[in-house]
Amino acid sequence: MVAKALSDQKYENVEASPVKSFFVSMLTRDITLNDAMLDLLDNCVDGILRKRTKLTGEKPYKGFKAEITFNKDSFSIHDNCGGIPWDLHQYAFRMGRANGRTHDPVGTVGVYGIGMKRAIFKMGRNCLISTQCKKDNYEIEISKKWMNNESDWSIPVRVGKKSMTEDGTTIVVGDLLPGISNCFGPDNLSYTSDFITKVETHYAFIINKGFDVIVNGKKVIPKPIDLHFNDSSKQEKSIRPFIYKATVDEVDVFLAVGFSRPLPSKDDVESSLEERRYSTDQAGWTVVCNDRAVLYCDKSELTGWGEAGVPQYHTQFIAISGIVEFTSNNPSKLPTTTTKRGIDSNSQLYLQIKNKMREGMKMFIDYTNKWKTREKESREQIKNTKAIPLTVFRHSIANTSIKFTKVSSKPGGMQYKPELPTPPLTDQDSKKISFSKTIREIKVVSSYLFDDDDIQPSKIGESCFDRVYKEARK
């Protein structure tokens, strides 16, 4: 007997609407408290980008500021960065991004549309957002009752109670979660210091360009990292960074790696008197996406240490620092994670650029190995160069005499490979190369290299080797 076919009416459509508790309680686990607060700073900068579509000059963010205040009872952030226009309210407050990216300001790093909401949910269960943008002045309240109501997704909005002196946004979060209240409380004063350090490093580029950040009444001063650059065109071998630049799939890439300070001796690293000067905190790679650092002084495999012929980080390499800047009008092309404070290690673009990071590192690791027992001489070489902050390095070298060469391998681009000084050879370091050629052949090569057929054969041979060696290192 053939079983009777089941009627389609027995089954109902599957309910696939989102669950609010996922956004409120689960999604927040993917982000640290520091990164959640930095997300809110990112939104301030996005406001500037909406207000000023062109950021030109050395201080394009001058006049804009964000003030962050927190204690055991509440968190607030107030800015004068232009506010949120009412016609973008759905885009700003909806849980997630829809219908493309037509409302994004040029130069943002946000992709998923969850940053502000996730940051609020990370900290507390009540929030008031007040914003003013030109004629628009309104308030949005996100309450604990709303967070617990799975069926109601609409958020109450009302006219702002008072006008602001400048267009901007204020976010106040209350009913803090116990763990957050403990972090912000008087018994954990180190948290404030740690967060300020995070802003000093991850926001160094934007602060140096004029943006003011105040945390609990203290103005944040960015921490500088310099690269040493010999701007003399007379020295063939000198201390200069390895530099690479390219444009790949809508992303401008700029990379530089070199020495951020003189090489320390073993005693310097171990001495408590030199501990601050030779702190390992400033070594490694800083990765910047649209002016915001997503990695700061990283010394792990994520930035090429300990893989593909590059040794693991060691205090011997404490003077080596590098920067990679990714800039794009389309933030979805940037190799960042959803937290915007990490790198997507599977990004094809990042994997290609990481090859260049390792290539540059090897040059300076090789230098430190060669000068390991002659640090004093090496330190003099580096001291006699110009220290250029990473935040302005890209623009500072634009008018120098360095010459870039074309890169034939993927992803293409242009690069500059410096010829670093080498220590004088000893009998143990060198071997003599000797061979014989006819006088006629020697004269032909001499004329080709020097426009003179009467050069010493030893000088001709040395010139030939140096020329081929230089080509082989490219």
Protein backbone atom coordinates (compact mmCIF):
# COMPACT_ATOMS: atom_id res chain seq x y z
CA MET A 1 0.00 0.00 0.00
CA VAL A 2 1.38 3.37 -1.02
CA ALA A 3 1.53 5.87 1.82
CA LYS A 4 -0.61 8.89 1.31
CA ALA A 5 1.44 12.01 0.51
CA LEU A 6 1.64 14.43 3.38
CA SER A 7 -0.16 17.67 2.84
CA ASP A 8 2.00 20.82 2.62
CA GLN A 9 -0.42 22.40 5.04
CA LYS A 10 0.99 20.28 7.86
CA TYR A 11 4.13 22.41 7.85
CA GLU A 12 4.30 26.10 8.61
CA ASN A 13 6.90 28.55 7.32
CA VAL A 14 10.03 28.77 9.46
CA GLU A 15 10.35 31.97 11.48
CA ALA A 16 13.80 33.39 10.63
CA SER A 17 13.58 36.85 12.18
CA PRO A 18 16.56 37.92 14.32
CA VAL A 19 16.70 37.38 18.07
CA LYS A 20 17.37 40.59 19.99
CA SER A 21 19.19 38.84 22.82
CA PHE A 22 21.82 37.70 20.30
CA PHE A 23 22.73 41.33 19.61
CA VAL A 24 22.45 42.41 23.24
CA SER A 25 24.21 39.55 25.02
CA MET A 26 26.09 37.33 22.58
CA LEU A 27 27.57 39.60 19.90
CA THR A 28 29.25 41.68 22.61
CA ARG A 29 31.47 38.74 23.52
CA ASP A 30 33.46 39.24 20.33
CA ILE A 31 34.80 42.63 21.40
CA THR A 32 36.79 43.92 24.37
CA LEU A 33 35.65 46.88 26.43
CA ASN A 34 38.54 49.00 25.11
CA ASP A 35 37.63 48.22 21.52
CA ALA A 36 33.95 48.94 22.18
CA MET A 37 34.87 52.41 23.46
CA LEU A 38 37.17 52.97 20.49
CA ASP A 39 34.25 52.03 18.22
CA LEU A 40 32.41 55.05 19.60
CA LEU A 41 35.45 57.22 18.87
CA ASP A 42 35.39 55.89 15.30
CA ASN A 43 31.82 57.12 15.02
CA CYS A 44 32.96 60.61 16.05
CA VAL A 45 35.50 60.58 13.21
CA ASP A 46 32.82 59.35 10.80
CA GLY A 47 30.83 62.44 11.76
CA ILE A 48 33.79 64.62 10.77
CA LEU A 49 34.02 62.80 7.45
CA ARG A 50 30.34 63.50 6.77
CA LYS A 51 30.85 67.15 7.64
CA ARG A 52 34.11 67.57 5.71
CA THR A 53 34.23 65.50 2.56
CA LYS A 54 37.79 66.67 1.82
CA LEU A 55 40.45 66.44 4.52
CA THR A 56 43.43 68.44 3.33
CA GLY A 57 46.48 69.98 4.96
CA GLU A 58 48.55 68.81 7.92
CA LYS A 59 45.73 69.30 10.49
CA PRO A 60 42.47 68.36 8.73
CA TYR A 61 40.80 67.33 12.03
CA LYS A 62 41.66 70.53 13.89
CA GLY A 63 38.75 71.99 15.86
CA PHE A 64 37.02 68.64 16.36
CA LYS A 65 37.09 66.82 19.67
CA ALA A 66 35.59 63.98 21.70
CA GLU A 67 35.29 63.94 25.49
CA ILE A 68 34.97 60.58 27.23
CA THR A 69 33.97 60.36 30.89
CA PHE A 70 33.29 57.23 32.92
CA ASN A 71 32.90 56.08 36.52
CA LYS A 72 31.27 53.16 38.33
CA ASP A 73 27.79 54.50 37.54
CA SER A 74 27.89 55.68 33.93
CA PHE A 75 29.80 56.19 30.69
CA SER A 76 29.47 59.16 28.34
CA ILE A 77 31.05 60.39 25.15
CA HIS A 78 30.38 63.85 23.75
CA ASP A 79 31.68 65.23 20.43
CA ASN A 80 31.32 68.27 18.19
CA CYS A 81 31.75 66.24 15.02
CA GLY A 82 28.60 67.19 13.12
CA GLY A 83 25.91 64.96 14.59
CA ILE A 84 23.67 62.39 12.88
CA PRO A 85 21.26 63.88 10.31
CA TRP A 86 17.70 62.57 10.60
CA ASP A 87 17.73 61.15 7.10
CA LEU A 88 20.46 58.73 8.28
CA HIS A 89 18.75 57.62 11.48
CA GLN A 90 17.69 54.25 10.06
CA TYR A 91 21.23 53.66 8.87
CA ALA A 92 22.73 54.72 12.23
CA PHE A 93 20.47 52.86 14.66
CA ARG A 94 19.41 49.76 12.79
CA MET A 95 20.99 46.45 13.91
CA GLY A 96 23.24 45.73 10.96
CA ARG A 97 23.80 47.17 7.51
CA ALA A 98 21.38 46.82 4.58
CA ASN A 99 20.96 48.12 1.02
CA GLY A 100 24.62 48.64 0.20
CA ARG A 101 26.85 51.45 1.46
CA THR A 102 25.40 54.57 -0.10
CA HIS A 103 25.32 56.49 3.19
CA ASP A 104 28.88 55.81 4.34
CA PRO A 105 31.22 58.79 4.58
CA VAL A 106 34.42 58.49 2.55
CA GLY A 107 37.29 57.27 4.72
CA THR A 108 35.33 55.35 7.36
CA VAL A 109 36.32 51.91 8.65
CA GLY A 110 32.83 50.67 9.56
CA VAL A 111 31.37 47.90 7.41
CA TYR A 112 28.74 45.95 9.34
CA GLY A 113 26.61 48.60 11.04
CA ILE A 114 26.92 47.13 14.54
CA GLY A 115 29.68 49.18 16.19
CA MET A 116 27.74 51.78 18.18
CA LYS A 117 24.96 49.41 19.23
CA ARG A 118 27.37 46.66 20.24
CA ALA A 119 29.44 49.14 22.29
CA ILE A 120 26.32 50.29 24.16
CA PHE A 121 25.16 46.72 24.86
CA LYS A 122 28.71 45.84 26.00
CA MET A 123 28.55 48.43 28.78
CA GLY A 124 25.02 48.79 30.12
CA ARG A 125 21.27 48.37 29.88
CA ASN A 126 20.13 51.99 29.49
CA CYS A 127 21.31 54.55 26.98
CA LEU A 128 20.34 58.03 25.84
CA ILE A 129 21.68 59.31 22.52
CA SER A 130 21.29 63.04 21.88
CA THR A 131 22.36 64.44 18.52
CA GLN A 132 22.15 67.69 16.60
CA CYS A 133 22.90 68.17 12.91
CA LYS A 134 21.93 71.51 11.46
CA LYS A 135 18.11 71.73 11.88
CA ASP A 136 17.80 68.20 13.23
CA ASN A 137 17.85 67.87 17.04
CA TYR A 138 16.53 64.65 18.55
CA GLU A 139 17.04 62.04 21.26
CA ILE A 140 16.88 58.25 21.09
CA GLU A 141 16.48 56.16 24.23
CA ILE A 142 17.47 52.50 24.41
CA SER A 143 16.12 51.06 27.66
CA LYS A 144 16.42 47.76 29.50
CA LYS A 145 12.73 47.18 28.81
CA TRP A 146 13.34 47.54 25.06
CA MET A 147 16.34 45.19 25.20
CA ASN A 148 14.24 42.50 26.89
CA ASN A 149 11.29 42.79 24.51
CA GLU A 150 11.88 40.36 21.63
CA SER A 151 8.81 41.45 19.65
CA ASP A 152 9.37 45.22 19.59
CA TRP A 153 12.28 46.48 17.47
CA SER A 154 11.23 50.14 17.19
CA ILE A 155 13.22 52.57 19.36
CA PRO A 156 11.52 55.62 20.93
CA VAL A 157 12.57 59.01 19.50
CA ARG A 158 11.76 62.49 20.76
CA VAL A 159 12.70 66.07 20.03
CA GLY A 160 15.88 67.14 21.79
CA LYS A 161 15.31 68.88 25.11
CA LYS A 162 17.93 71.55 24.46
CA SER A 163 20.01 72.78 21.55
CA MET A 164 23.77 72.23 21.50
CA THR A 165 26.31 75.02 21.01
CA GLU A 166 27.89 72.94 18.23
CA ASP A 167 26.52 70.15 16.07
CA GLY A 168 27.50 66.82 17.56
CA THR A 169 26.41 63.75 19.48
CA THR A 170 26.30 62.78 23.15
CA ILE A 171 25.91 59.16 24.27
CA VAL A 172 25.25 58.39 27.93
CA VAL A 173 25.15 54.76 29.10
CA GLY A 174 23.75 53.89 32.53
CA ASP A 175 22.75 50.79 34.48
CA LEU A 176 26.28 49.49 33.81
CA LEU A 177 26.89 45.75 33.88
CA PRO A 178 28.73 44.67 37.07
CA GLY A 179 31.99 43.84 35.28
CA ILE A 180 31.99 47.19 33.49
CA SER A 181 31.19 49.08 36.67
CA ASN A 182 34.18 47.41 38.34
CA CYS A 183 36.47 48.42 35.47
CA PHE A 184 35.32 52.04 35.68
CA GLY A 185 35.26 52.17 39.49
CA PRO A 186 37.74 53.82 41.91
CA ASP A 187 39.27 50.46 42.87
CA ASN A 188 40.56 49.94 39.33
CA LEU A 189 42.35 53.18 38.48
CA SER A 190 44.75 51.31 36.21
CA TYR A 191 41.95 50.81 33.68
CA THR A 192 41.82 54.54 32.89
CA SER A 193 45.57 54.55 32.32
CA ASP A 194 45.34 51.47 30.10
CA PHE A 195 42.55 52.97 28.02
CA ILE A 196 44.41 56.26 27.58
CA THR A 197 47.44 54.28 26.37
CA LYS A 198 45.19 52.55 23.84
CA VAL A 199 43.99 55.92 22.52
CA GLU A 200 47.56 57.31 22.50
CA THR A 201 48.66 54.50 20.20
CA HIS A 202 45.64 53.56 18.09
CA TYR A 203 44.54 57.15 17.53
CA ALA A 204 48.03 58.67 17.16
CA PHE A 205 47.54 59.42 13.46
CA ILE A 206 44.24 61.25 13.83
CA ILE A 207 45.30 63.11 16.98
CA ASN A 208 48.47 64.28 15.22
CA LYS A 209 46.19 65.60 12.49
CA GLY A 210 44.36 67.86 14.93
CA PHE A 211 41.66 65.73 16.58
CA ASP A 212 41.42 66.23 20.37
CA VAL A 213 40.48 63.36 22.67
CA ILE A 214 39.90 64.00 26.39
CA VAL A 215 39.51 61.05 28.79
CA ASN A 216 38.23 61.81 32.29
CA GLY A 217 39.45 65.37 31.96
CA LYS A 218 42.91 64.45 30.63
CA LYS A 219 43.89 65.41 27.10
CA VAL A 220 45.44 62.47 25.26
CA ILE A 221 48.94 63.02 23.85
CA PRO A 222 49.83 60.61 21.04
CA LYS A 223 52.86 58.35 21.45
CA PRO A 224 55.35 58.96 18.66
CA ILE A 225 57.23 56.22 16.80
CA ASP A 226 59.96 57.41 14.47
CA LEU A 227 61.82 55.91 11.54
CA HIS A 228 65.40 57.02 10.98
CA PHE A 229 66.18 58.33 7.51
CA ASN A 230 69.50 59.60 6.15
CA ASP A 231 68.49 62.43 3.81
CA SER A 232 72.02 62.91 2.45
CA SER A 233 72.28 61.96 -1.23
CA LYS A 234 76.10 61.73 -1.00
CA GLN A 235 76.21 58.47 0.94
CA GLU A 236 75.64 55.38 -1.18
CA LYS A 237 75.27 53.14 1.89
CA SER A 238 73.16 54.71 4.63
CA ILE A 239 70.41 54.10 7.18
CA ARG A 240 67.10 54.34 5.35
CA PRO A 241 63.87 52.33 5.56
CA PHE A 242 62.64 49.76 3.08
CA ILE A 243 59.60 51.34 1.39
CA TYR A 244 56.83 49.84 -0.73
CA LYS A 245 53.70 51.40 -2.22
CA ALA A 246 50.91 50.13 -4.47
CA THR A 247 47.23 50.41 -5.30
CA VAL A 248 45.40 47.08 -5.15
CA ASP A 249 41.64 46.63 -5.68
CA GLU A 250 40.63 50.15 -4.57
CA VAL A 251 43.12 50.16 -1.68
CA ASP A 252 46.21 52.38 -1.52
CA VAL A 253 49.02 50.63 0.33
CA PHE A 254 52.09 52.26 1.86
CA LEU A 255 54.68 50.24 3.76
CA ALA A 256 57.90 51.30 5.48
CA VAL A 257 60.17 49.40 7.85
CA GLY A 258 63.47 50.44 9.38
CA PHE A 259 65.10 51.55 12.61
CA SER A 260 63.08 53.52 15.15
CA ARG A 261 66.16 54.15 17.34
CA PRO A 262 69.84 53.18 17.65
CA LEU A 263 70.63 49.55 18.31
CA PRO A 264 70.95 48.87 22.03
CA SER A 265 73.76 46.83 23.49
CA LYS A 266 72.97 43.82 25.65
CA ASP A 267 73.72 45.88 28.75
CA ASP A 268 71.35 48.63 27.57
CA VAL A 269 68.40 46.24 27.30
CA GLU A 270 69.06 44.69 30.68
CA SER A 271 69.81 47.95 32.49
CA SER A 272 66.91 49.46 34.44
CA LEU A 273 68.25 52.92 33.59
CA GLU A 274 67.71 52.20 29.89
CA GLU A 275 64.46 50.27 30.33
CA ARG A 276 62.21 53.15 29.29
CA ARG A 277 64.36 54.19 26.35
CA TYR A 278 64.64 50.68 24.98
CA SER A 279 61.17 49.48 25.86
CA THR A 280 60.09 46.67 23.56
CA ASP A 281 56.62 48.25 23.32
CA GLN A 282 57.58 50.36 20.31
CA ALA A 283 59.14 47.56 18.26
CA GLY A 284 57.25 45.59 15.61
CA TRP A 285 54.55 46.47 13.10
CA THR A 286 51.80 49.07 13.27
CA VAL A 287 48.98 48.52 10.77
CA VAL A 288 46.74 51.48 9.96
CA CYS A 289 43.43 51.46 8.09
CA ASN A 290 42.02 54.85 7.07
CA ASP A 291 44.13 56.66 9.71
CA ARG A 292 43.12 54.29 12.53
CA ALA A 293 45.61 51.77 13.93
CA VAL A 294 44.18 48.25 13.91
CA LEU A 295 47.45 46.72 15.15
CA TYR A 296 50.07 48.52 17.21
CA CYS A 297 53.69 47.36 17.44
CA ASP A 298 52.76 43.73 16.79
CA LYS A 299 55.57 41.17 17.06
CA SER A 300 53.73 37.95 16.24
CA GLU A 301 53.31 35.66 13.24
CA LEU A 302 50.35 37.83 12.25
CA THR A 303 52.86 40.42 11.00
CA GLY A 304 55.45 37.97 9.70
CA TRP A 305 57.64 37.29 12.73
CA GLY A 306 58.70 33.66 13.14
CA GLU A 307 57.73 32.45 9.66
CA ALA A 308 59.05 32.16 6.10
CA GLY A 309 62.69 32.72 7.04
CA VAL A 310 62.03 35.56 9.52
CA PRO A 311 63.10 34.68 13.09
CA GLN A 312 60.74 35.05 16.02
CA TYR A 313 60.90 38.43 17.68
CA HIS A 314 63.83 38.85 20.07
CA THR A 315 65.17 41.84 22.00
CA GLN A 316 68.04 41.92 19.50
CA PHE A 317 65.47 43.36 17.07
CA ILE A 318 64.13 45.93 19.53
CA ALA A 319 65.04 48.85 17.22
CA ILE A 320 63.11 47.53 14.19
CA SER A 321 59.71 49.13 13.57
CA GLY A 322 57.42 49.17 10.59
CA ILE A 323 54.16 50.63 9.40
CA VAL A 324 51.60 49.55 6.82
CA GLU A 325 48.90 52.02 5.82
CA PHE A 326 45.79 50.81 4.01
CA THR A 327 43.60 53.61 2.65
CA SER A 328 40.34 53.15 0.76
CA ASN A 329 37.06 54.91 0.13
CA ASN A 330 35.45 51.47 0.31
CA PRO A 331 36.05 50.10 3.84
CA SER A 332 34.83 46.64 2.86
CA LYS A 333 38.07 46.29 0.91
CA LEU A 334 40.21 46.90 4.01
CA PRO A 335 41.70 43.77 5.66
CA THR A 336 40.05 44.33 9.07
CA THR A 337 37.89 42.21 11.37
CA THR A 338 34.45 43.24 12.66
CA THR A 339 36.06 44.77 15.75
CA LYS A 340 38.11 47.12 13.51
CA ARG A 341 41.04 46.46 15.89
CA GLY A 342 42.37 43.36 14.20
CA ILE A 343 43.57 42.08 10.85
CA ASP A 344 41.77 39.49 8.75
CA SER A 345 44.72 37.13 8.36
CA ASN A 346 42.98 35.35 5.46
CA SER A 347 42.63 38.51 3.39
CA GLN A 348 44.30 37.98 0.01
CA LEU A 349 45.46 41.60 0.02
CA TYR A 350 47.02 41.28 3.47
CA LEU A 351 48.76 38.00 2.58
CA GLN A 352 50.36 39.67 -0.45
CA ILE A 353 51.47 42.69 1.56
CA LYS A 354 52.79 40.46 4.34
CA ASN A 355 55.32 39.07 1.86
CA LYS A 356 56.65 42.61 1.48
CA MET A 357 56.66 43.09 5.25
CA ARG A 358 58.88 40.04 5.65
CA GLU A 359 61.11 41.12 2.78
CA GLY A 360 61.75 44.45 4.44
CA MET A 361 62.24 42.95 7.91
CA LYS A 362 64.92 40.55 6.65
CA MET A 363 67.10 43.47 5.53
CA PHE A 364 67.20 45.01 9.01
CA ILE A 365 67.47 41.69 10.83
CA ASP A 366 70.48 40.95 8.61
CA TYR A 367 71.93 44.35 9.55
CA THR A 368 71.56 43.68 13.29
CA ASN A 369 73.23 40.29 12.87
CA LYS A 370 76.20 41.81 11.04
CA TRP A 371 76.65 44.60 13.60
CA LYS A 372 75.89 42.50 16.70
CA THR A 373 79.35 42.96 18.24
CA ARG A 374 79.82 46.50 16.91
CA GLU A 375 76.73 48.24 18.29
CA LYS A 376 78.67 51.38 19.21
CA GLU A 377 79.64 52.03 15.57
CA SER A 378 76.14 51.19 14.40
CA ARG A 379 74.57 53.54 16.92
CA GLU A 380 76.62 56.41 15.56
CA GLN A 381 75.35 55.67 12.04
CA ILE A 382 71.73 55.79 13.20
CA LYS A 383 72.22 58.83 15.45
CA ASN A 384 73.44 60.84 12.47
CA THR A 385 70.11 60.41 10.66
CA LYS A 386 66.80 62.25 10.82
CA ALA A 387 64.05 60.74 13.00
CA ILE A 388 60.70 61.09 11.18
CA PRO A 389 57.43 60.25 13.01
CA LEU A 390 55.49 57.41 11.41
CA THR A 391 52.40 59.61 11.36
CA VAL A 392 53.99 61.93 8.78
CA PHE A 393 56.64 59.65 7.29
CA ARG A 394 54.75 58.97 4.06
CA HIS A 395 54.48 62.67 3.25
CA SER A 396 57.93 63.61 4.54
CA ILE A 397 59.81 61.40 2.09
CA ALA A 398 57.83 62.58 -0.94
CA ASN A 399 60.40 65.28 -1.73
CA THR A 400 63.54 63.26 -1.03
CA SER A 401 65.99 61.92 -3.61
CA ILE A 402 65.12 58.23 -3.23
CA LYS A 403 64.33 56.36 -6.42
CA PHE A 404 61.66 53.69 -6.54
CA THR A 405 61.84 50.62 -8.78
CA LYS A 406 58.92 48.70 -10.27
CA VAL A 407 57.83 45.46 -8.61
CA SER A 408 57.06 42.74 -11.17
CA SER A 409 55.57 40.15 -8.81
CA LYS A 410 52.02 40.37 -7.44
CA PRO A 411 50.52 42.69 -6.34
CA GLY A 412 52.90 44.97 -8.28
CA GLY A 413 53.64 48.51 -7.16
CA MET A 414 56.90 50.35 -6.53
CA GLN A 415 59.57 49.86 -3.88
CA TYR A 416 62.79 51.32 -2.51
CA LYS A 417 65.44 48.96 -1.13
CA PRO A 418 68.12 50.84 0.77
CA GLU A 419 71.77 49.81 0.69
CA LEU A 420 72.54 49.57 4.38
CA PRO A 421 76.06 50.05 5.75
CA THR A 422 78.11 46.90 6.27
CA PRO A 423 80.92 46.49 8.80
CA PRO A 424 84.52 46.41 7.50
CA LEU A 425 85.48 42.91 6.43
CA THR A 426 87.99 40.88 8.41
CA ASP A 427 89.93 37.86 7.17
CA GLN A 428 87.26 35.63 8.70
CA ASP A 429 84.44 37.50 6.97
CA SER A 430 85.84 37.54 3.45
CA LYS A 431 87.26 35.41 0.69
CA LYS A 432 89.38 36.54 -2.18
CA ILE A 433 88.02 36.15 -5.73
CA SER A 434 90.71 35.80 -8.36
CA PHE A 435 90.55 35.02 -12.09
CA SER A 436 92.38 35.92 -15.30
CA LYS A 437 91.08 37.50 -18.50
CA THR A 438 92.78 38.73 -21.65
CA ILE A 439 94.01 42.32 -21.75
CA ARG A 440 91.63 43.02 -24.66
CA GLU A 441 88.60 41.79 -22.65
CA ILE A 442 89.67 43.80 -19.62
CA LYS A 443 89.94 46.98 -21.69
CA VAL A 444 86.45 46.42 -23.19
CA VAL A 445 84.86 46.03 -19.73
CA SER A 446 86.86 48.96 -18.36
CA SER A 447 85.58 51.22 -21.14
CA TYR A 448 82.02 50.02 -20.59
CA LEU A 449 82.05 50.66 -16.85
CA PHE A 450 84.25 53.74 -16.56
CA ASP A 451 84.58 55.23 -20.08
CA ASP A 452 88.27 54.59 -19.58
CA ASP A 453 90.14 51.51 -20.80
CA ASP A 454 93.06 51.92 -18.39
CA ILE A 455 91.45 51.20 -15.00
CA GLN A 456 93.15 48.84 -12.53
CA PRO A 457 91.92 45.25 -13.11
CA SER A 458 91.20 44.80 -9.37
CA LYS A 459 88.89 47.84 -9.40
CA ILE A 460 87.14 46.55 -12.53
CA GLY A 461 86.55 43.14 -10.93
CA GLU A 462 85.22 44.69 -7.71
CA SER A 463 82.89 46.99 -9.66
CA CYS A 464 81.52 44.06 -11.66
CA PHE A 465 80.82 42.05 -8.49
CA ASP A 466 79.16 45.00 -6.69
CA ARG A 467 76.94 45.67 -9.69
CA VAL A 468 75.76 42.07 -9.98
CA TYR A 469 75.32 41.78 -6.20
CA LYS A 470 73.14 44.89 -6.15
CA GLU A 471 70.96 43.44 -8.93
CA ALA A 472 70.74 40.08 -7.17
CA ARG A 473 69.37 41.71 -4.00
CA LYS A 474 66.43 43.35 -5.80
